[in-house]
Amino acid sequence: MQYQHIILIIDRMRLERGMSVAELDRRTGIDKKRLWYILDGQREMRVDEFLKLCIALRMDPRSFVTREIVDDVAKATARSIDRAQH
């Protein structure tokens, strides 16, 4: 799942729940300006911000994990282990 697709889902859920960016800022503690930049795709969100958004929007963060992500993490882990052993 591409980053922009994740942002679209998060923003769609915000709109479906009738939540303004200001309300999302209040519930997450993420600065409103930064939140606007994240939702507009101008800034990448950090993991802690992603989790805060999921909690505020009552979304399961695991729903974003795809087989492709799991495979990519497994490959990156194997490369890291291989480099550490050599």
N, C-alpha and C. Protein backbone atom coordinates (compact mmCIF):
# COMPACT_ATOMS: atom_id res chain seq x y z
N MET A 1 0.85 -1.18 0.00
CA MET A 1 0.00 0.00 0.00
C MET A 1 0.90 1.23 0.00
N GLN A 2 0.68 2.08 -0.95
CA GLN A 2 1.50 3.27 -1.07
C GLN A 2 1.11 4.31 -0.02
N TYR A 3 2.09 5.11 0.33
CA TYR A 3 1.91 6.14 1.35
C TYR A 3 0.73 7.05 1.03
N GLN A 4 0.63 7.53 -0.21
CA GLN A 4 -0.46 8.44 -0.58
C GLN A 4 -1.82 7.77 -0.39
N HIS A 5 -1.88 6.48 -0.65
CA HIS A 5 -3.14 5.75 -0.47
C HIS A 5 -3.52 5.71 1.02
N ILE A 6 -2.54 5.54 1.88
CA ILE A 6 -2.79 5.53 3.32
C ILE A 6 -3.33 6.89 3.77
N ILE A 7 -2.73 7.96 3.27
CA ILE A 7 -3.18 9.30 3.61
C ILE A 7 -4.62 9.51 3.15
N LEU A 8 -4.94 9.05 1.95
CA LEU A 8 -6.31 9.19 1.44
C LEU A 8 -7.31 8.47 2.32
N ILE A 9 -6.95 7.28 2.78
CA ILE A 9 -7.84 6.52 3.66
C ILE A 9 -8.04 7.26 4.98
N ILE A 10 -6.95 7.74 5.56
CA ILE A 10 -7.04 8.46 6.83
C ILE A 10 -7.91 9.71 6.68
N ASP A 11 -7.69 10.47 5.62
CA ASP A 11 -8.47 11.69 5.44
C ASP A 11 -9.94 11.37 5.15
N ARG A 12 -10.18 10.32 4.39
CA ARG A 12 -11.57 9.90 4.13
C ARG A 12 -12.28 9.53 5.43
N MET A 13 -11.58 8.81 6.31
CA MET A 13 -12.17 8.44 7.59
C MET A 13 -12.44 9.68 8.44
N ARG A 14 -11.56 10.65 8.39
CA ARG A 14 -11.76 11.90 9.12
C ARG A 14 -13.05 12.57 8.65
N LEU A 15 -13.21 12.64 7.33
CA LEU A 15 -14.40 13.28 6.76
C LEU A 15 -15.66 12.49 7.07
N GLU A 16 -15.59 11.15 6.98
CA GLU A 16 -16.74 10.31 7.28
C GLU A 16 -17.19 10.46 8.73
N ARG A 17 -16.24 10.72 9.60
CA ARG A 17 -16.56 10.88 11.02
C ARG A 17 -16.93 12.33 11.35
N GLY A 18 -16.94 13.18 10.31
CA GLY A 18 -17.32 14.57 10.51
C GLY A 18 -16.35 15.35 11.38
N MET A 19 -15.07 14.99 11.28
CA MET A 19 -14.07 15.58 12.15
C MET A 19 -13.24 16.60 11.38
N SER A 20 -13.15 17.80 11.91
CA SER A 20 -12.31 18.83 11.30
C SER A 20 -10.84 18.53 11.61
N VAL A 21 -9.96 19.18 10.87
CA VAL A 21 -8.53 19.04 11.14
C VAL A 21 -8.23 19.59 12.54
N ALA A 22 -8.91 20.67 12.92
CA ALA A 22 -8.71 21.24 14.26
C ALA A 22 -9.09 20.23 15.35
N GLU A 23 -10.19 19.50 15.14
CA GLU A 23 -10.60 18.49 16.11
C GLU A 23 -9.60 17.33 16.14
N LEU A 24 -9.12 16.95 14.98
CA LEU A 24 -8.12 15.87 14.91
C LEU A 24 -6.83 16.31 15.60
N ASP A 25 -6.46 17.57 15.44
CA ASP A 25 -5.30 18.14 16.13
C ASP A 25 -5.50 18.03 17.64
N ARG A 26 -6.69 18.41 18.11
CA ARG A 26 -6.97 18.37 19.54
C ARG A 26 -6.90 16.94 20.08
N ARG A 27 -7.43 15.99 19.32
CA ARG A 27 -7.47 14.60 19.79
C ARG A 27 -6.12 13.89 19.71
N THR A 28 -5.27 14.32 18.78
CA THR A 28 -3.99 13.63 18.59
C THR A 28 -2.80 14.36 19.20
N GLY A 29 -2.93 15.68 19.36
CA GLY A 29 -1.79 16.47 19.82
C GLY A 29 -0.82 16.80 18.71
N ILE A 30 -1.18 16.47 17.47
CA ILE A 30 -0.34 16.81 16.32
C ILE A 30 -0.69 18.25 15.92
N ASP A 31 0.32 19.08 15.80
CA ASP A 31 0.11 20.48 15.44
C ASP A 31 -0.75 20.58 14.18
N LYS A 32 -1.73 21.47 14.21
CA LYS A 32 -2.70 21.59 13.11
C LYS A 32 -2.01 21.88 11.77
N LYS A 33 -1.02 22.74 11.77
CA LYS A 33 -0.31 23.05 10.52
C LYS A 33 0.40 21.81 9.98
N ARG A 34 1.07 21.09 10.87
CA ARG A 34 1.76 19.85 10.45
C ARG A 34 0.74 18.84 9.93
N LEU A 35 -0.38 18.75 10.62
CA LEU A 35 -1.43 17.82 10.21
C LEU A 35 -1.94 18.16 8.80
N TRP A 36 -2.13 19.44 8.53
CA TRP A 36 -2.53 19.86 7.19
C TRP A 36 -1.50 19.42 6.16
N TYR A 37 -0.22 19.62 6.48
CA TYR A 37 0.84 19.22 5.56
C TYR A 37 0.85 17.71 5.33
N ILE A 38 0.63 16.93 6.38
CA ILE A 38 0.58 15.47 6.26
C ILE A 38 -0.58 15.07 5.35
N LEU A 39 -1.77 15.59 5.64
CA LEU A 39 -2.96 15.21 4.88
C LEU A 39 -2.88 15.70 3.43
N ASP A 40 -2.10 16.74 3.18
CA ASP A 40 -1.93 17.26 1.83
C ASP A 40 -0.78 16.56 1.10
N GLY A 41 -0.06 15.68 1.79
CA GLY A 41 1.05 14.95 1.17
C GLY A 41 2.35 15.73 1.11
N GLN A 42 2.42 16.88 1.79
CA GLN A 42 3.63 17.68 1.77
C GLN A 42 4.65 17.26 2.83
N ARG A 43 4.21 16.51 3.82
CA ARG A 43 5.08 16.00 4.88
C ARG A 43 4.76 14.53 5.10
N GLU A 44 5.79 13.75 5.38
CA GLU A 44 5.54 12.36 5.74
C GLU A 44 5.24 12.29 7.22
N MET A 45 4.29 11.44 7.56
CA MET A 45 3.97 11.30 8.98
C MET A 45 4.91 10.30 9.62
N ARG A 46 5.20 10.55 10.88
CA ARG A 46 6.02 9.63 11.67
C ARG A 46 5.13 8.49 12.17
N VAL A 47 5.74 7.43 12.63
CA VAL A 47 5.00 6.28 13.12
C VAL A 47 4.09 6.67 14.29
N ASP A 48 4.60 7.49 15.21
CA ASP A 48 3.78 7.88 16.35
C ASP A 48 2.57 8.70 15.90
N GLU A 49 2.74 9.51 14.87
CA GLU A 49 1.61 10.29 14.34
C GLU A 49 0.58 9.36 13.69
N PHE A 50 1.07 8.39 12.94
CA PHE A 50 0.18 7.41 12.31
C PHE A 50 -0.66 6.69 13.37
N LEU A 51 -0.02 6.26 14.44
CA LEU A 51 -0.74 5.55 15.50
C LEU A 51 -1.74 6.46 16.20
N LYS A 52 -1.36 7.70 16.46
CA LYS A 52 -2.29 8.66 17.08
C LYS A 52 -3.51 8.90 16.19
N LEU A 53 -3.28 9.02 14.90
CA LEU A 53 -4.38 9.22 13.96
C LEU A 53 -5.31 8.00 13.94
N CYS A 54 -4.72 6.82 13.93
CA CYS A 54 -5.54 5.60 13.94
C CYS A 54 -6.40 5.54 15.20
N ILE A 55 -5.82 5.87 16.33
CA ILE A 55 -6.57 5.84 17.59
C ILE A 55 -7.70 6.87 17.56
N ALA A 56 -7.38 8.09 17.13
CA ALA A 56 -8.39 9.16 17.11
C ALA A 56 -9.54 8.84 16.15
N LEU A 57 -9.21 8.13 15.07
CA LEU A 57 -10.23 7.82 14.06
C LEU A 57 -10.83 6.42 14.24
N ARG A 58 -10.42 5.75 15.32
CA ARG A 58 -10.91 4.40 15.62
C ARG A 58 -10.65 3.43 14.46
N MET A 59 -9.41 3.47 13.98
CA MET A 59 -8.98 2.59 12.90
C MET A 59 -7.92 1.63 13.44
N ASP A 60 -7.97 0.40 12.99
CA ASP A 60 -6.97 -0.58 13.39
C ASP A 60 -5.73 -0.40 12.52
N PRO A 61 -4.59 0.00 13.10
CA PRO A 61 -3.40 0.21 12.27
C PRO A 61 -2.97 -1.04 11.52
N ARG A 62 -3.35 -2.21 12.02
CA ARG A 62 -2.98 -3.46 11.34
C ARG A 62 -3.70 -3.60 10.00
N SER A 63 -4.79 -2.85 9.82
CA SER A 63 -5.53 -2.96 8.55
C SER A 63 -4.72 -2.41 7.38
N PHE A 64 -3.66 -1.67 7.67
CA PHE A 64 -2.81 -1.11 6.62
C PHE A 64 -1.67 -2.06 6.23
N VAL A 65 -1.47 -3.12 6.98
CA VAL A 65 -0.36 -4.04 6.72
C VAL A 65 -0.77 -5.03 5.63
N THR A 66 -0.02 -5.01 4.55
CA THR A 66 -0.29 -5.91 3.43
C THR A 66 0.78 -7.00 3.36
N ARG A 67 0.53 -7.99 2.56
CA ARG A 67 1.50 -9.07 2.34
C ARG A 67 2.78 -8.48 1.75
N GLU A 68 2.65 -7.49 0.89
CA GLU A 68 3.81 -6.84 0.28
C GLU A 68 4.69 -6.19 1.34
N ILE A 69 4.09 -5.52 2.31
CA ILE A 69 4.84 -4.88 3.38
C ILE A 69 5.57 -5.93 4.21
N VAL A 70 4.88 -7.00 4.55
CA VAL A 70 5.49 -8.08 5.33
C VAL A 70 6.68 -8.66 4.57
N ASP A 71 6.51 -8.90 3.27
CA ASP A 71 7.61 -9.45 2.46
C ASP A 71 8.79 -8.48 2.39
N ASP A 72 8.50 -7.19 2.22
CA ASP A 72 9.57 -6.19 2.16
C ASP A 72 10.35 -6.12 3.47
N VAL A 73 9.64 -6.18 4.59
CA VAL A 73 10.31 -6.15 5.90
C VAL A 73 11.16 -7.40 6.08
N ALA A 74 10.64 -8.55 5.67
CA ALA A 74 11.40 -9.80 5.78
C ALA A 74 12.68 -9.74 4.95
N LYS A 75 12.59 -9.21 3.75
CA LYS A 75 13.78 -9.09 2.88
C LYS A 75 14.80 -8.12 3.48
N ALA A 76 14.32 -6.99 3.97
CA ALA A 76 15.23 -6.00 4.57
C ALA A 76 15.90 -6.57 5.81
N THR A 77 15.15 -7.32 6.59
CA THR A 77 15.72 -7.94 7.79
C THR A 77 16.79 -8.96 7.41
N ALA A 78 16.51 -9.77 6.40
CA ALA A 78 17.48 -10.77 5.95
C ALA A 78 18.76 -10.09 5.44
N ARG A 79 18.62 -8.98 4.70
CA ARG A 79 19.81 -8.26 4.22
C ARG A 79 20.61 -7.70 5.39
N SER A 80 19.93 -7.17 6.38
CA SER A 80 20.62 -6.61 7.55
C SER A 80 21.39 -7.70 8.31
N ILE A 81 20.77 -8.84 8.47
CA ILE A 81 21.42 -9.96 9.16
C ILE A 81 22.62 -10.43 8.35
N ASP A 82 22.45 -10.51 7.04
CA ASP A 82 23.53 -10.95 6.17
C ASP A 82 24.72 -9.99 6.25
N ARG A 83 24.45 -8.69 6.22
CA ARG A 83 25.54 -7.70 6.32
C ARG A 83 26.24 -7.78 7.68
N ALA A 84 25.47 -8.01 8.72
CA ALA A 84 26.05 -8.07 10.06
C ALA A 84 26.94 -9.29 10.23
N GLN A 85 26.66 -10.34 9.50
CA GLN A 85 27.44 -11.58 9.62
C GLN A 85 28.70 -11.54 8.79
N HIS A 86 28.82 -10.60 7.89
CA HIS A 86 30.01 -10.56 7.01
C HIS A 86 30.89 -9.43 7.33
